[in-house]
C-alpha atoms as a PDB file:
ATOM      1  CA  MET A   1      81.926 104.522 102.791  1.00  0.00           C
ATOM      2  CA  GLY A   2      81.339 102.559  99.614  1.00  0.00           C
ATOM      3  CA  PHE A   3      83.090 103.399  96.359  1.00  0.00           C
ATOM      4  CA  ASP A   4      82.196 101.971  92.942  1.00  0.00           C
ATOM      5  CA  GLY A   5      84.500 104.028  90.730  1.00  0.00           C
ATOM      6  CA  SER A   6      81.762 106.192  89.209  1.00  0.00           C
ATOM      7  CA  PRO A   7      81.544 110.013  89.265  1.00  0.00           C
ATOM      8  CA  THR A   8      78.796 109.666  91.876  1.00  0.00           C
ATOM      9  CA  GLY A   9      81.068 107.407  93.917  1.00  0.00           C
ATOM     10  CA  GLN A  10      83.837 109.990  93.674  1.00  0.00           C
ATOM     11  CA  ARG A  11      81.466 112.704  94.878  1.00  0.00           C
ATOM     12  CA  ALA A  12      80.410 110.494  97.771  1.00  0.00           C
ATOM     13  CA  VAL A  13      84.080 110.021  98.762  1.00  0.00           C
ATOM     14  CA  ARG A  14      84.603 113.794  98.619  1.00  0.00           C
ATOM     15  CA  TRP A  15      81.452 114.419 100.706  1.00  0.00           C
ATOM     16  CA  ALA A  16      82.540 111.863 103.318  1.00  0.00           C
ATOM     17  CA  ALA A  17      86.083 113.293 103.453  1.00  0.00           C
ATOM     18  CA  GLU A  18      84.812 116.854 103.857  1.00  0.00           C
ATOM     19  CA  GLU A  19      82.373 115.797 106.560  1.00  0.00           C
ATOM     20  CA  ALA A  20      85.021 113.804 108.432  1.00  0.00           C
ATOM     21  CA  ALA A  21      87.507 116.675 108.213  1.00  0.00           C
ATOM     22  CA  SER A  22      84.967 119.115 109.641  1.00  0.00           C
ATOM     23  CA  ARG A  23      84.307 116.788 112.581  1.00  0.00           C
ATOM     24  CA  GLY A  24      87.841 115.479 113.142  1.00  0.00           C
ATOM     25  CA  GLY A  25      86.960 111.967 112.003  1.00  0.00           C
ATOM     26  CA  ASP A  26      88.403 109.380 109.670  1.00  0.00           C
ATOM     27  CA  VAL A  27      87.048 107.722 106.548  1.00  0.00           C
ATOM     28  CA  GLU A  28      87.490 104.166 105.344  1.00  0.00           C
ATOM     29  CA  VAL A  29      86.731 103.970 101.635  1.00  0.00           C
ATOM     30  CA  ILE A  30      85.698 100.462 100.619  1.00  0.00           C
ATOM     31  CA  ALA A  31      85.762  99.435  96.969  1.00  0.00           C
ATOM     32  CA  VAL A  32      84.009  96.124  96.438  1.00  0.00           C
ATOM     33  CA  ARG A  33      85.167  94.055  93.504  1.00  0.00           C
ATOM     34  CA  GLU A  34      82.473  91.623  92.491  1.00  0.00           C
ATOM     35  CA  ARG A  35      83.396  87.961  92.210  1.00  0.00           C
ATOM     36  CA  ASP A  36      84.243  86.604  88.782  1.00  0.00           C
ATOM     37  CA  GLU A  37      81.572  83.917  88.705  1.00  0.00           C
ATOM     38  CA  PRO A  38      79.650  82.285  85.886  1.00  0.00           C
ATOM     39  CA  LEU A  39      76.225  83.795  85.389  1.00  0.00           C
ATOM     40  CA  PRO A  40      73.435  81.220  85.563  1.00  0.00           C
ATOM     41  CA  GLY A  41      71.421  80.938  82.364  1.00  0.00           C
ATOM     42  CA  THR A  42      73.531  83.497  80.541  1.00  0.00           C
ATOM     43  CA  SER A  43      73.336  83.641  76.780  1.00  0.00           C
ATOM     44  CA  TYR A  44      76.794  83.557  75.214  1.00  0.00           C
ATOM     45  CA  ALA A  45      75.571  86.163  72.731  1.00  0.00           C
ATOM     46  CA  PHE A  46      75.293  88.739  75.537  1.00  0.00           C
ATOM     47  CA  GLN A  47      78.095  87.660  77.869  1.00  0.00           C
ATOM     48  CA  PRO A  48      80.975  85.780  76.258  1.00  0.00           C
ATOM     49  CA  TYR A  49      81.965  82.697  78.242  1.00  0.00           C
ATOM     50  CA  GLY A  50      78.926  83.166  80.487  1.00  0.00           C
ATOM     51  CA  ARG A  51      80.697  85.678  82.738  1.00  0.00           C
ATOM     52  CA  ARG A  52      80.175  89.309  83.638  1.00  0.00           C
ATOM     53  CA  PRO A  53      83.266  91.428  82.956  1.00  0.00           C
ATOM     54  CA  VAL A  54      84.927  92.125  86.308  1.00  0.00           C
ATOM     55  CA  PRO A  55      87.992  94.370  86.753  1.00  0.00           C
ATOM     56  CA  ASP A  56      91.021  92.799  88.409  1.00  0.00           C
ATOM     57  CA  GLU A  57      91.882  93.765  91.970  1.00  0.00           C
ATOM     58  CA  ASP A  58      94.983  95.753  91.004  1.00  0.00           C
ATOM     59  CA  SER A  59      93.048  98.048  88.654  1.00  0.00           C
ATOM     60  CA  VAL A  60      90.350  98.609  91.301  1.00  0.00           C
ATOM     61  CA  ARG A  61      93.020  99.374  93.913  1.00  0.00           C
ATOM     62  CA  THR A  62      94.858 101.760  91.556  1.00  0.00           C
ATOM     63  CA  HIS A  63      91.685 103.662  90.625  1.00  0.00           C
ATOM     64  CA  LEU A  64      90.644 103.920  94.271  1.00  0.00           C
ATOM     65  CA  HIS A  65      94.085 105.204  95.262  1.00  0.00           C
ATOM     66  CA  ASP A  66      94.083 107.811  92.459  1.00  0.00           C
ATOM     67  CA  VAL A  67      90.671 109.144  93.514  1.00  0.00           C
ATOM     68  CA  VAL A  68      91.561 109.229  97.216  1.00  0.00           C
ATOM     69  CA  SER A  69      94.903 110.925  96.470  1.00  0.00           C
ATOM     70  CA  ASP A  70      93.180 113.637  94.422  1.00  0.00           C
ATOM     71  CA  ILE A  71      90.648 114.271  97.178  1.00  0.00           C
ATOM     72  CA  THR A  72      93.185 114.341 100.020  1.00  0.00           C
ATOM     73  CA  SER A  73      95.386 116.713  97.984  1.00  0.00           C
ATOM     74  CA  ALA A  74      92.433 119.026  97.383  1.00  0.00           C
ATOM     75  CA  LEU A  75      91.408 118.969 101.040  1.00  0.00           C
ATOM     76  CA  GLY A  76      94.959 119.244 102.331  1.00  0.00           C
ATOM     77  CA  GLY A  77      94.895 116.298 104.653  1.00  0.00           C
ATOM     78  CA  GLY A  78      94.667 112.593 105.259  1.00  0.00           C
ATOM     79  CA  GLY A  79      92.476 110.516 107.492  1.00  0.00           C
ATOM     80  CA  ILE A  80      91.316 108.295 104.619  1.00  0.00           C
ATOM     81  CA  THR A  81      92.125 104.608 104.461  1.00  0.00           C
ATOM     82  CA  GLU A  82      91.555 102.509 101.356  1.00  0.00           C
ATOM     83  CA  THR A  83      90.180  98.973 101.375  1.00  0.00           C
ATOM     84  CA  VAL A  84      89.437  96.659  98.452  1.00  0.00           C
ATOM     85  CA  VAL A  85      87.353  93.551  99.079  1.00  0.00           C
ATOM     86  CA  THR A  86      85.805  90.958  96.804  1.00  0.00           C
ATOM     87  CA  GLY A  87      82.158  90.026  97.166  1.00  0.00           C
ATOM     88  CA  ASP A  88      78.651  91.387  96.801  1.00  0.00           C
ATOM     89  CA  PRO A  89      78.746  95.195  97.215  1.00  0.00           C
ATOM     90  CA  ALA A  90      75.632  95.464  99.385  1.00  0.00           C
ATOM     91  CA  THR A  91      76.671  92.557 101.602  1.00  0.00           C
ATOM     92  CA  GLU A  92      80.188  93.885 102.130  1.00  0.00           C
ATOM     93  CA  LEU A  93      79.005  97.423 102.925  1.00  0.00           C
ATOM     94  CA  LEU A  94      76.391  96.101 105.330  1.00  0.00           C
ATOM     95  CA  LYS A  95      79.117  94.116 107.123  1.00  0.00           C
ATOM     96  CA  ALA A  96      81.209  97.270 107.381  1.00  0.00           C
ATOM     97  CA  SER A  97      78.239  99.219 108.751  1.00  0.00           C
ATOM     98  CA  ALA A  98      78.340  97.141 111.935  1.00  0.00           C
ATOM     99  CA  ASP A  99      81.523  98.957 113.028  1.00  0.00           C
ATOM    100  CA  ALA A 100      80.873 102.352 111.400  1.00  0.00           C
ATOM    101  CA  ASP A 101      79.474 105.600 112.741  1.00  0.00           C
ATOM    102  CA  LEU A 102      78.105 106.528 109.306  1.00  0.00           C
ATOM    103  CA  LEU A 103      77.849 104.794 105.921  1.00  0.00           C
ATOM    104  CA  VAL A 104      78.076 106.970 102.800  1.00  0.00           C
ATOM    105  CA  VAL A 105      77.089 105.638  99.375  1.00  0.00           C
ATOM    106  CA  GLY A 106      76.257 107.141  96.006  1.00  0.00           C
ATOM    107  CA  SER A 107      73.027 106.570  94.143  1.00  0.00           C
ATOM    108  CA  HIS A 108      72.745 105.969  90.403  1.00  0.00           C
ATOM    109  CA  ARG A 109      69.122 104.977  89.973  1.00  0.00           C
ATOM    110  CA  ARG A 110      66.664 107.567  88.817  1.00  0.00           C
ATOM    111  CA  GLY A 111      63.361 105.917  89.569  1.00  0.00           C
ATOM    112  CA  ALA A 112      61.586 103.410  91.743  1.00  0.00           C
ATOM    113  CA  LEU A 113      60.883 101.049  88.856  1.00  0.00           C
ATOM    114  CA  SER A 114      64.566 100.625  87.952  1.00  0.00           C
ATOM    115  CA  GLU A 115      65.364 100.034  91.619  1.00  0.00           C
ATOM    116  CA  VAL A 116      62.725  97.309  91.887  1.00  0.00           C
ATOM    117  CA  LEU A 117      63.803  95.641  88.666  1.00  0.00           C
ATOM    118  CA  LEU A 118      67.567  95.996  88.968  1.00  0.00           C
ATOM    119  CA  GLY A 119      68.157  96.246  92.697  1.00  0.00           C
ATOM    120  CA  SER A 120      70.215  98.938  94.349  1.00  0.00           C
ATOM    121  CA  VAL A 121      73.176  98.847  96.671  1.00  0.00           C
ATOM    122  CA  SER A 122      72.217 102.187  98.179  1.00  0.00           C
ATOM    123  CA  ALA A 123      68.619 101.057  98.786  1.00  0.00           C
ATOM    124  CA  SER A 124      69.840  97.880 100.457  1.00  0.00           C
ATOM    125  CA  CYS A 125      72.184  99.888 102.669  1.00  0.00           C
ATOM    126  CA  VAL A 126      69.418 102.286 103.677  1.00  0.00           C
ATOM    127  CA  ARG A 127      67.162  99.376 104.609  1.00  0.00           C
ATOM    128  CA  HIS A 128      69.624  97.146 106.425  1.00  0.00           C
ATOM    129  CA  ALA A 129      72.670  99.110 107.655  1.00  0.00           C
ATOM    130  CA  ARG A 130      73.514  99.061 111.337  1.00  0.00           C
ATOM    131  CA  CYS A 131      74.404 102.756 111.347  1.00  0.00           C
ATOM    132  CA  PRO A 132      73.002 105.949 109.791  1.00  0.00           C
ATOM    133  CA  VAL A 133      73.338 106.128 105.989  1.00  0.00           C
ATOM    134  CA  VAL A 134      73.930 109.131 103.725  1.00  0.00           C
ATOM    135  CA  VAL A 135      73.051 108.628 100.059  1.00  0.00           C
ATOM    136  CA  VAL A 136      74.786 111.126  97.774  1.00  0.00           C
ATOM    137  CA  PRO A 137      72.564 111.540  94.703  1.00  0.00           C
ATOM    138  CA  ALA A 138      73.904 111.411  91.157  1.00  0.00           C
ATOM    139  CA  THR A 139      72.883 115.048  90.669  1.00  0.00           C
ATOM    140  CA  LEU A 140      75.704 116.079  93.041  1.00  0.00           C
ATOM    141  CA  ALA A 141      78.296 114.233  90.955  1.00  0.00           C
ATOM    142  CA  ALA A 142      78.683 117.098  88.492  1.00  0.00           C
ATOM    143  CA  PRO A 143      81.387 119.601  89.525  1.00  0.00           C
END
Protein backbone atom coordinates (compact mmCIF):
# COMPACT_ATOMS: atom_id res chain seq x y z
CA MET A 1 0.00 0.00 0.00
CA GLY A 2 1.27 3.46 -0.84
CA PHE A 3 1.48 6.22 1.75
CA ASP A 4 2.14 9.90 1.00
CA GLY A 5 1.65 11.39 4.46
CA SER A 6 -1.69 13.07 3.70
CA PRO A 7 -5.00 12.55 5.54
CA THR A 8 -6.18 10.52 2.54
CA GLY A 9 -3.01 8.43 2.76
CA GLN A 10 -3.66 7.85 6.45
CA ARG A 11 -7.21 6.73 5.69
CA ALA A 12 -5.90 4.38 3.03
CA VAL A 13 -3.48 2.84 5.56
CA ARG A 14 -6.35 2.40 8.03
CA TRP A 15 -8.57 0.82 5.33
CA ALA A 16 -5.80 -1.58 4.30
CA ALA A 17 -5.05 -2.51 7.93
CA GLU A 18 -8.72 -3.15 8.70
CA GLU A 19 -9.13 -5.23 5.55
CA ALA A 20 -5.98 -7.26 6.25
CA ALA A 21 -7.03 -7.85 9.86
CA SER A 22 -10.44 -9.12 8.77
CA ARG A 23 -8.81 -11.57 6.36
CA GLY A 24 -5.77 -12.56 8.43
CA GLY A 25 -3.33 -10.84 6.09
CA ASP A 26 -0.41 -8.47 6.40
CA VAL A 27 0.19 -4.97 5.08
CA GLU A 28 3.38 -3.41 3.81
CA VAL A 29 3.08 0.37 3.89
CA ILE A 30 5.43 2.00 1.40
CA ALA A 31 6.27 5.68 1.69
CA VAL A 32 8.07 6.94 -1.39
CA ARG A 33 10.39 9.87 -0.91
CA GLU A 34 10.93 11.65 -4.19
CA ARG A 35 14.50 12.24 -5.32
CA ASP A 36 16.05 15.62 -4.61
CA GLU A 37 16.83 16.51 -8.21
CA PRO A 38 17.10 19.80 -10.04
CA LEU A 39 13.95 20.69 -11.93
CA PRO A 40 14.58 21.34 -15.62
CA GLY A 41 13.66 24.84 -16.73
CA THR A 42 12.65 25.92 -13.25
CA SER A 43 12.37 29.61 -12.51
CA TYR A 44 14.31 30.55 -9.39
CA ALA A 45 11.43 32.85 -8.46
CA PHE A 46 9.16 29.82 -7.93
CA GLN A 47 11.63 27.20 -6.72
CA PRO A 48 14.76 28.52 -5.01
CA TYR A 49 17.91 26.81 -6.27
CA GLY A 50 15.89 25.08 -8.99
CA ARG A 51 14.79 22.25 -6.70
CA ARG A 52 11.48 20.99 -5.38
CA PRO A 53 11.39 20.84 -1.58
CA VAL A 54 11.77 17.19 -0.57
CA PRO A 55 11.58 15.93 3.03
CA ASP A 56 14.58 14.00 4.32
CA GLU A 57 14.29 10.24 4.76
CA ASP A 58 14.32 10.39 8.57
CA SER A 59 11.30 12.72 8.72
CA VAL A 60 9.39 10.53 6.23
CA ARG A 61 10.25 7.42 8.26
CA THR A 62 9.23 9.09 11.55
CA HIS A 63 5.89 10.30 10.16
CA LEU A 64 5.16 6.88 8.66
CA HIS A 65 5.98 5.15 11.94
CA ASP A 66 3.76 7.55 13.94
CA VAL A 67 0.79 6.94 11.63
CA VAL A 68 1.26 3.16 11.60
CA SER A 69 1.66 3.08 15.40
CA ASP A 70 -1.58 5.03 15.87
CA ILE A 71 -3.46 2.69 13.54
CA THR A 72 -2.08 -0.53 15.04
CA SER A 73 -2.89 0.77 18.55
CA ALA A 74 -6.45 1.56 17.49
CA LEU A 75 -6.91 -1.82 15.83
CA GLY A 76 -5.18 -3.74 18.60
CA GLY A 77 -2.71 -5.60 16.48
CA GLY A 78 0.27 -5.67 14.19
CA GLY A 79 0.84 -7.20 10.81
CA ILE A 80 2.02 -3.91 9.30
CA THR A 81 5.54 -3.41 8.03
CA GLU A 82 6.94 0.00 7.12
CA THR A 83 9.14 0.68 4.11
CA VAL A 84 10.63 3.96 2.90
CA VAL A 85 12.09 4.12 -0.60
CA THR A 86 13.38 6.95 -2.75
CA GLY A 87 12.17 7.35 -6.31
CA ASP A 88 9.10 8.13 -8.38
CA PRO A 89 5.98 7.21 -6.36
CA ALA A 90 4.08 5.60 -9.24
CA THR A 91 7.11 3.64 -10.41
CA GLU A 92 7.93 2.34 -6.94
CA LEU A 93 4.34 1.30 -6.20
CA LEU A 94 4.05 -0.42 -9.56
CA LYS A 95 7.23 -2.38 -8.78
CA ALA A 96 5.74 -3.41 -5.44
CA SER A 97 2.50 -4.49 -7.13
CA ALA A 98 4.34 -7.34 -8.84
CA ASP A 99 4.58 -9.20 -5.51
CA ALA A 100 1.36 -7.94 -3.88
CA ASP A 101 -2.10 -9.43 -3.59
CA LEU A 102 -3.68 -5.96 -3.47
CA LEU A 103 -2.42 -2.38 -3.87
CA VAL A 104 -4.16 0.34 -1.85
CA VAL A 105 -3.63 4.03 -2.62
CA GLY A 106 -5.40 7.26 -1.78
CA SER A 107 -6.72 9.72 -4.32
CA HIS A 108 -6.42 13.49 -4.06
CA ARG A 109 -7.59 14.67 -7.46
CA ARG A 110 -11.12 15.89 -7.84
CA GLY A 111 -11.54 15.94 -11.59
CA ALA A 112 -10.38 14.45 -14.84
CA LEU A 113 -8.83 17.70 -16.05
CA SER A 114 -6.47 18.00 -13.07
CA GLU A 115 -5.49 14.36 -13.52
CA VAL A 116 -4.65 14.91 -17.19
CA LEU A 117 -2.71 18.09 -16.50
CA LEU A 118 -0.94 17.10 -13.30
CA GLY A 119 -0.77 13.32 -13.49
CA SER A 120 -1.87 11.00 -10.73
CA VAL A 121 -0.14 8.23 -8.86
CA SER A 122 -3.44 6.49 -8.19
CA ALA A 123 -4.45 6.67 -11.87
CA SER A 124 -1.10 5.24 -12.92
CA CYS A 125 -1.47 2.41 -10.41
CA VAL A 126 -4.97 1.59 -11.62
CA ARG A 127 -3.76 1.46 -15.21
CA HIS A 128 -0.52 -0.45 -14.78
CA ALA A 129 -0.47 -2.44 -11.51
CA ARG A 130 0.08 -6.17 -11.64
CA CYS A 131 -2.52 -6.82 -8.95
CA PRO A 132 -5.98 -5.47 -8.06
CA VAL A 133 -6.00 -1.84 -6.87
CA VAL A 134 -8.22 -0.13 -4.29
CA VAL A 135 -8.34 3.67 -4.48
CA VAL A 136 -9.51 5.27 -1.24
CA PRO A 137 -11.12 8.60 -2.17
CA ALA A 138 -10.33 11.84 -0.38
CA THR A 139 -13.94 12.02 0.83
CA LEU A 140 -13.22 9.08 3.17
CA ALA A 141 -10.29 10.91 4.76
CA ALA A 142 -12.51 12.87 7.14
CA PRO A 143 -13.10 11.07 10.46
